[in-house]
PDB file of all heavy atoms in Angstrom:
ATOM      1  N   PHE A   1       0.827  -1.202   0.000  1.00  0.00           N
ATOM      2  CA  PHE A   1       0.000   0.000   0.000  1.00  0.00           C
ATOM      3  C   PHE A   1       0.862   1.253   0.000  1.00  0.00           C
ATOM      4  O   PHE A   1       0.524   2.249  -0.649  1.00  0.00           O
ATOM      5  CB  PHE A   1      -0.919   0.011   1.224  1.00  0.00           C
ATOM      6  CG  PHE A   1      -1.817   1.211   1.291  1.00  0.00           C
ATOM      7  CD1 PHE A   1      -2.945   1.296   0.492  1.00  0.00           C
ATOM      8  CD2 PHE A   1      -1.534   2.260   2.155  1.00  0.00           C
ATOM      9  CE1 PHE A   1      -3.765   2.409   0.536  1.00  0.00           C
ATOM     10  CE2 PHE A   1      -2.351   3.376   2.212  1.00  0.00           C
ATOM     11  CZ  PHE A   1      -3.462   3.444   1.400  1.00  0.00           C
ATOM     12  N   PHE A   2       1.989   1.214   0.710  1.00  0.00           N
ATOM     13  CA  PHE A   2       2.885   2.368   0.749  1.00  0.00           C
ATOM     14  C   PHE A   2       3.425   2.683  -0.644  1.00  0.00           C
ATOM     15  O   PHE A   2       3.442   3.846  -1.069  1.00  0.00           O
ATOM     16  CB  PHE A   2       4.037   2.099   1.716  1.00  0.00           C
ATOM     17  CG  PHE A   2       4.996   3.243   1.851  1.00  0.00           C
ATOM     18  CD1 PHE A   2       4.656   4.367   2.570  1.00  0.00           C
ATOM     19  CD2 PHE A   2       6.232   3.201   1.248  1.00  0.00           C
ATOM     20  CE1 PHE A   2       5.525   5.428   2.691  1.00  0.00           C
ATOM     21  CE2 PHE A   2       7.118   4.250   1.364  1.00  0.00           C
ATOM     22  CZ  PHE A   2       6.767   5.374   2.085  1.00  0.00           C
ATOM     23  N   PHE A   3       3.836   1.650  -1.371  1.00  0.00           N
ATOM     24  CA  PHE A   3       4.328   1.870  -2.730  1.00  0.00           C
ATOM     25  C   PHE A   3       3.192   2.288  -3.668  1.00  0.00           C
ATOM     26  O   PHE A   3       3.420   3.004  -4.645  1.00  0.00           O
ATOM     27  CB  PHE A   3       5.040   0.623  -3.249  1.00  0.00           C
ATOM     28  CG  PHE A   3       6.388   0.406  -2.638  1.00  0.00           C
ATOM     29  CD1 PHE A   3       6.602  -0.616  -1.733  1.00  0.00           C
ATOM     30  CD2 PHE A   3       7.447   1.252  -2.933  1.00  0.00           C
ATOM     31  CE1 PHE A   3       7.853  -0.802  -1.151  1.00  0.00           C
ATOM     32  CE2 PHE A   3       8.694   1.084  -2.368  1.00  0.00           C
ATOM     33  CZ  PHE A   3       8.897   0.053  -1.471  1.00  0.00           C
ATOM     34  N   PHE A   4       1.985   1.845  -3.345  1.00  0.00           N
ATOM     35  CA  PHE A   4       0.820   2.286  -4.109  1.00  0.00           C
ATOM     36  C   PHE A   4       0.600   3.789  -3.930  1.00  0.00           C
ATOM     37  O   PHE A   4       0.301   4.503  -4.894  1.00  0.00           O
ATOM     38  CB  PHE A   4      -0.427   1.513  -3.665  1.00  0.00           C
ATOM     39  CG  PHE A   4      -1.701   1.982  -4.297  1.00  0.00           C
ATOM     40  CD1 PHE A   4      -1.955   1.770  -5.639  1.00  0.00           C
ATOM     41  CD2 PHE A   4      -2.655   2.655  -3.536  1.00  0.00           C
ATOM     42  CE1 PHE A   4      -3.137   2.210  -6.224  1.00  0.00           C
ATOM     43  CE2 PHE A   4      -3.838   3.096  -4.116  1.00  0.00           C
ATOM     44  CZ  PHE A   4      -4.074   2.876  -5.457  1.00  0.00           C
ATOM     45  N   THR A   5       0.777   4.297  -2.705  1.00  0.00           N
ATOM     46  CA  THR A   5       0.650   5.736  -2.466  1.00  0.00           C
ATOM     47  C   THR A   5       1.770   6.512  -3.158  1.00  0.00           C
ATOM     48  O   THR A   5       1.553   7.632  -3.625  1.00  0.00           O
ATOM     49  CB  THR A   5       0.661   6.049  -0.956  1.00  0.00           C
ATOM     50  OG1 THR A   5       1.883   5.588  -0.365  1.00  0.00           O
ATOM     51  CG2 THR A   5      -0.523   5.401  -0.276  1.00  0.00           C
ATOM     52  N   LEU A   6       2.974   5.914  -3.219  1.00  0.00           N
ATOM     53  CA  LEU A   6       4.058   6.557  -3.962  1.00  0.00           C
ATOM     54  C   LEU A   6       3.719   6.650  -5.443  1.00  0.00           C
ATOM     55  O   LEU A   6       4.012   7.657  -6.103  1.00  0.00           O
ATOM     56  CB  LEU A   6       5.361   5.780  -3.772  1.00  0.00           C
ATOM     57  CG  LEU A   6       5.999   5.809  -2.384  1.00  0.00           C
ATOM     58  CD1 LEU A   6       7.303   5.022  -2.382  1.00  0.00           C
ATOM     59  CD2 LEU A   6       6.249   7.244  -1.928  1.00  0.00           C
ATOM     60  N   PHE A   7       3.102   5.592  -5.974  1.00  0.00           N
ATOM     61  CA  PHE A   7       2.663   5.611  -7.374  1.00  0.00           C
ATOM     62  C   PHE A   7       1.619   6.702  -7.597  1.00  0.00           C
ATOM     63  O   PHE A   7       1.678   7.454  -8.593  1.00  0.00           O
ATOM     64  CB  PHE A   7       2.097   4.248  -7.758  1.00  0.00           C
ATOM     65  CG  PHE A   7       1.318   4.254  -9.049  1.00  0.00           C
ATOM     66  CD1 PHE A   7       1.981   4.317 -10.267  1.00  0.00           C
ATOM     67  CD2 PHE A   7      -0.070   4.203  -9.042  1.00  0.00           C
ATOM     68  CE1 PHE A   7       1.270   4.344 -11.463  1.00  0.00           C
ATOM     69  CE2 PHE A   7      -0.785   4.222 -10.223  1.00  0.00           C
ATOM     70  CZ  PHE A   7      -0.114   4.294 -11.435  1.00  0.00           C
ATOM     71  N   LEU A   8       0.659   6.821  -6.669  1.00  0.00           N
ATOM     72  CA  LEU A   8      -0.355   7.864  -6.787  1.00  0.00           C
ATOM     73  C   LEU A   8       0.274   9.251  -6.732  1.00  0.00           C
ATOM     74  O   LEU A   8      -0.135  10.161  -7.462  1.00  0.00           O
ATOM     75  CB  LEU A   8      -1.402   7.721  -5.669  1.00  0.00           C
ATOM     76  CG  LEU A   8      -2.379   6.552  -5.767  1.00  0.00           C
ATOM     77  CD1 LEU A   8      -3.341   6.580  -4.592  1.00  0.00           C
ATOM     78  CD2 LEU A   8      -3.147   6.582  -7.081  1.00  0.00           C
ATOM     79  N   SER A   9       1.287   9.411  -5.873  1.00  0.00           N
ATOM     80  CA  SER A   9       1.969  10.701  -5.767  1.00  0.00           C
ATOM     81  C   SER A   9       2.679  11.045  -7.072  1.00  0.00           C
ATOM     82  O   SER A   9       2.636  12.197  -7.536  1.00  0.00           O
ATOM     83  CB  SER A   9       2.973  10.671  -4.610  1.00  0.00           C
ATOM     84  OG  SER A   9       2.319  10.415  -3.385  1.00  0.00           O
ATOM     85  N   GLY A  10       3.351  10.053  -7.666  1.00  0.00           N
ATOM     86  CA  GLY A  10       4.017  10.282  -8.946  1.00  0.00           C
ATOM     87  C   GLY A  10       3.026  10.602 -10.052  1.00  0.00           C
ATOM     88  O   GLY A  10       3.249  11.505 -10.870  1.00  0.00           O
ATOM     89  N   LEU A  11       1.918   9.858 -10.080  1.00  0.00           N
ATOM     90  CA  LEU A  11       0.885  10.102 -11.088  1.00  0.00           C
ATOM     91  C   LEU A  11       0.270  11.486 -10.899  1.00  0.00           C
ATOM     92  O   LEU A  11       0.028  12.207 -11.883  1.00  0.00           O
ATOM     93  CB  LEU A  11      -0.198   9.024 -10.984  1.00  0.00           C
ATOM     94  CG  LEU A  11      -1.377   9.127 -11.948  1.00  0.00           C
ATOM     95  CD1 LEU A  11      -0.902   9.017 -13.394  1.00  0.00           C
ATOM     96  CD2 LEU A  11      -2.430   8.065 -11.634  1.00  0.00           C
ATOM     97  N   PHE A  12       0.035  11.859  -9.644  1.00  0.00           N
ATOM     98  CA  PHE A  12      -0.539  13.169  -9.361  1.00  0.00           C
ATOM     99  C   PHE A  12       0.406  14.279  -9.808  1.00  0.00           C
ATOM    100  O   PHE A  12      -0.030  15.279 -10.401  1.00  0.00           O
ATOM    101  CB  PHE A  12      -0.816  13.290  -7.862  1.00  0.00           C
ATOM    102  CG  PHE A  12      -1.294  14.649  -7.443  1.00  0.00           C
ATOM    103  CD1 PHE A  12      -2.597  15.039  -7.675  1.00  0.00           C
ATOM    104  CD2 PHE A  12      -0.430  15.544  -6.816  1.00  0.00           C
ATOM    105  CE1 PHE A  12      -3.039  16.303  -7.299  1.00  0.00           C
ATOM    106  CE2 PHE A  12      -0.857  16.793  -6.435  1.00  0.00           C
ATOM    107  CZ  PHE A  12      -2.172  17.178  -6.680  1.00  0.00           C
ATOM    108  N   THR A  13       1.711  14.126  -9.556  1.00  0.00           N
ATOM    109  CA  THR A  13       2.691  15.128  -9.976  1.00  0.00           C
ATOM    110  C   THR A  13       2.693  15.280 -11.494  1.00  0.00           C
ATOM    111  O   THR A  13       2.767  16.399 -12.022  1.00  0.00           O
ATOM    112  CB  THR A  13       4.096  14.739  -9.489  1.00  0.00           C
ATOM    113  OG1 THR A  13       4.077  14.578  -8.066  1.00  0.00           O
ATOM    114  CG2 THR A  13       5.114  15.796  -9.856  1.00  0.00           C
ATOM    115  N   PHE A  14       2.595  14.156 -12.193  1.00  0.00           N
ATOM    116  CA  PHE A  14       2.557  14.193 -13.664  1.00  0.00           C
ATOM    117  C   PHE A  14       1.305  14.927 -14.151  1.00  0.00           C
ATOM    118  O   PHE A  14       1.378  15.780 -15.047  1.00  0.00           O
ATOM    119  CB  PHE A  14       2.576  12.764 -14.204  1.00  0.00           C
ATOM    120  CG  PHE A  14       2.382  12.663 -15.687  1.00  0.00           C
ATOM    121  CD1 PHE A  14       3.400  13.018 -16.568  1.00  0.00           C
ATOM    122  CD2 PHE A  14       1.175  12.215 -16.205  1.00  0.00           C
ATOM    123  CE1 PHE A  14       3.214  12.940 -17.935  1.00  0.00           C
ATOM    124  CE2 PHE A  14       0.974  12.121 -17.572  1.00  0.00           C
ATOM    125  CZ  PHE A  14       2.005  12.491 -18.438  1.00  0.00           C
ATOM    126  N   LEU A  15       0.157  14.614 -13.532  1.00  0.00           N
ATOM    127  CA  LEU A  15      -1.092  15.264 -13.943  1.00  0.00           C
ATOM    128  C   LEU A  15      -1.095  16.754 -13.597  1.00  0.00           C
ATOM    129  O   LEU A  15      -1.655  17.562 -14.339  1.00  0.00           O
ATOM    130  CB  LEU A  15      -2.277  14.562 -13.275  1.00  0.00           C
ATOM    131  CG  LEU A  15      -2.530  13.116 -13.711  1.00  0.00           C
ATOM    132  CD1 LEU A  15      -3.666  12.511 -12.921  1.00  0.00           C
ATOM    133  CD2 LEU A  15      -2.817  13.051 -15.206  1.00  0.00           C
ATOM    134  N   VAL A  16      -0.455  17.108 -12.468  1.00  0.00           N
ATOM    135  CA  VAL A  16      -0.379  18.512 -12.075  1.00  0.00           C
ATOM    136  C   VAL A  16       0.364  19.320 -13.134  1.00  0.00           C
ATOM    137  O   VAL A  16      -0.048  20.427 -13.503  1.00  0.00           O
ATOM    138  CB  VAL A  16       0.307  18.660 -10.699  1.00  0.00           C
ATOM    139  CG1 VAL A  16       0.771  20.097 -10.465  1.00  0.00           C
ATOM    140  CG2 VAL A  16      -0.653  18.251  -9.599  1.00  0.00           C
ATOM    141  N   ASN A  17       1.469  18.761 -13.622  1.00  0.00           N
ATOM    142  CA  ASN A  17       2.233  19.464 -14.664  1.00  0.00           C
ATOM    143  C   ASN A  17       1.390  19.686 -15.913  1.00  0.00           C
ATOM    144  O   ASN A  17       1.441  20.757 -16.536  1.00  0.00           O
ATOM    145  CB  ASN A  17       3.494  18.669 -15.010  1.00  0.00           C
ATOM    146  CG  ASN A  17       4.504  18.680 -13.883  1.00  0.00           C
ATOM    147  OD1 ASN A  17       4.608  19.659 -13.159  1.00  0.00           O
ATOM    148  ND2 ASN A  17       5.241  17.594 -13.728  1.00  0.00           N
ATOM    149  N   ILE A  18       0.617  18.667 -16.273  1.00  0.00           N
ATOM    150  CA  ILE A  18      -0.240  18.801 -17.455  1.00  0.00           C
ATOM    151  C   ILE A  18      -1.313  19.863 -17.230  1.00  0.00           C
ATOM    152  O   ILE A  18      -1.585  20.703 -18.106  1.00  0.00           O
ATOM    153  CB  ILE A  18      -0.881  17.442 -17.797  1.00  0.00           C
ATOM    154  CG1 ILE A  18       0.191  16.441 -18.231  1.00  0.00           C
ATOM    155  CG2 ILE A  18      -1.935  17.606 -18.889  1.00  0.00           C
ATOM    156  CD1 ILE A  18      -0.347  15.071 -18.557  1.00  0.00           C
ATOM    157  N   VAL A  19      -1.935  19.837 -16.046  1.00  0.00           N
ATOM    158  CA  VAL A  19      -2.990  20.810 -15.729  1.00  0.00           C
ATOM    159  C   VAL A  19      -2.445  22.232 -15.743  1.00  0.00           C
ATOM    160  O   VAL A  19      -3.069  23.151 -16.289  1.00  0.00           O
ATOM    161  CB  VAL A  19      -3.626  20.485 -14.366  1.00  0.00           C
ATOM    162  CG1 VAL A  19      -4.546  21.613 -13.922  1.00  0.00           C
ATOM    163  CG2 VAL A  19      -4.401  19.176 -14.443  1.00  0.00           C
ATOM    164  N   ILE A  20      -1.266  22.425 -15.150  1.00  0.00           N
ATOM    165  CA  ILE A  20      -0.686  23.766 -15.103  1.00  0.00           C
ATOM    166  C   ILE A  20      -0.330  24.257 -16.504  1.00  0.00           C
ATOM    167  O   ILE A  20      -0.599  25.410 -16.866  1.00  0.00           O
ATOM    168  CB  ILE A  20       0.557  23.771 -14.192  1.00  0.00           C
ATOM    169  CG1 ILE A  20       0.128  23.589 -12.741  1.00  0.00           C
ATOM    170  CG2 ILE A  20       1.338  25.066 -14.345  1.00  0.00           C
ATOM    171  CD1 ILE A  20       1.266  23.528 -11.768  1.00  0.00           C
ATOM    172  N   LEU A  21       0.267  23.369 -17.322  1.00  0.00           N
ATOM    173  CA  LEU A  21       0.589  23.758 -18.701  1.00  0.00           C
ATOM    174  C   LEU A  21      -0.680  24.117 -19.473  1.00  0.00           C
ATOM    175  O   LEU A  21      -0.710  25.101 -20.231  1.00  0.00           O
ATOM    176  CB  LEU A  21       1.328  22.622 -19.405  1.00  0.00           C
ATOM    177  CG  LEU A  21       2.769  22.357 -18.950  1.00  0.00           C
ATOM    178  CD1 LEU A  21       3.328  21.115 -19.634  1.00  0.00           C
ATOM    179  CD2 LEU A  21       3.647  23.566 -19.251  1.00  0.00           C
ATOM    180  N   GLY A  22      -1.732  23.319 -19.264  1.00  0.00           N
ATOM    181  CA  GLY A  22      -2.993  23.608 -19.938  1.00  0.00           C
ATOM    182  C   GLY A  22      -3.620  24.908 -19.455  1.00  0.00           C
ATOM    183  O   GLY A  22      -4.161  25.681 -20.258  1.00  0.00           O
ATOM    184  N   THR A  23      -3.540  25.173 -18.152  1.00  0.00           N
ATOM    185  CA  THR A  23      -4.104  26.408 -17.596  1.00  0.00           C
ATOM    186  C   THR A  23      -3.367  27.633 -18.109  1.00  0.00           C
ATOM    187  O   THR A  23      -3.984  28.638 -18.477  1.00  0.00           O
ATOM    188  CB  THR A  23      -4.039  26.367 -16.057  1.00  0.00           C
ATOM    189  OG1 THR A  23      -4.703  25.189 -15.574  1.00  0.00           O
ATOM    190  CG2 THR A  23      -4.698  27.596 -15.462  1.00  0.00           C
ATOM    191  N   VAL A  24      -2.036  27.542 -18.139  1.00  0.00           N
ATOM    192  CA  VAL A  24      -1.235  28.663 -18.643  1.00  0.00           C
ATOM    193  C   VAL A  24      -1.526  28.920 -20.113  1.00  0.00           C
ATOM    194  O   VAL A  24      -1.682  30.079 -20.553  1.00  0.00           O
ATOM    195  CB  VAL A  24       0.271  28.387 -18.421  1.00  0.00           C
ATOM    196  CG1 VAL A  24       1.119  29.428 -19.148  1.00  0.00           C
ATOM    197  CG2 VAL A  24       0.596  28.373 -16.940  1.00  0.00           C
ATOM    198  N   ALA A  25      -1.623  27.837 -20.900  1.00  0.00           N
ATOM    199  CA  ALA A  25      -1.924  27.992 -22.330  1.00  0.00           C
ATOM    200  C   ALA A  25      -3.299  28.608 -22.539  1.00  0.00           C
ATOM    201  O   ALA A  25      -3.491  29.460 -23.421  1.00  0.00           O
ATOM    202  CB  ALA A  25      -1.836  26.633 -23.021  1.00  0.00           C
ATOM    203  N   LEU A  26      -4.269  28.191 -21.697  1.00  0.00           N
ATOM    204  CA  LEU A  26      -5.631  28.732 -21.823  1.00  0.00           C
ATOM    205  C   LEU A  26      -5.671  30.213 -21.481  1.00  0.00           C
ATOM    206  O   LEU A  26      -6.322  31.013 -22.186  1.00  0.00           O
ATOM    207  CB  LEU A  26      -6.580  27.948 -20.918  1.00  0.00           C
ATOM    208  CG  LEU A  26      -8.044  28.406 -20.908  1.00  0.00           C
ATOM    209  CD1 LEU A  26      -8.663  28.236 -22.288  1.00  0.00           C
ATOM    210  CD2 LEU A  26      -8.835  27.623 -19.860  1.00  0.00           C
ATOM    211  N   THR A  27      -4.983  30.599 -20.413  1.00  0.00           N
ATOM    212  CA  THR A  27      -4.980  32.011 -20.018  1.00  0.00           C
ATOM    213  C   THR A  27      -4.278  32.887 -21.049  1.00  0.00           C
ATOM    214  O   THR A  27      -4.643  34.045 -21.237  1.00  0.00           O
ATOM    215  CB  THR A  27      -4.307  32.177 -18.649  1.00  0.00           C
ATOM    216  OG1 THR A  27      -3.005  31.551 -18.677  1.00  0.00           O
ATOM    217  CG2 THR A  27      -5.126  31.532 -17.556  1.00  0.00           C
TER     218      THR A  27
END
C-alpha cells in the first residue's frame, strides 16, 4: 500500500504538470 501511495503521488505530480501547462496555455 505504501508503494501504491508513492505511485499515486508520482501520477498526481505528472497530472499537475499537465494541468498547469494547460491552464497557462488557456490564459
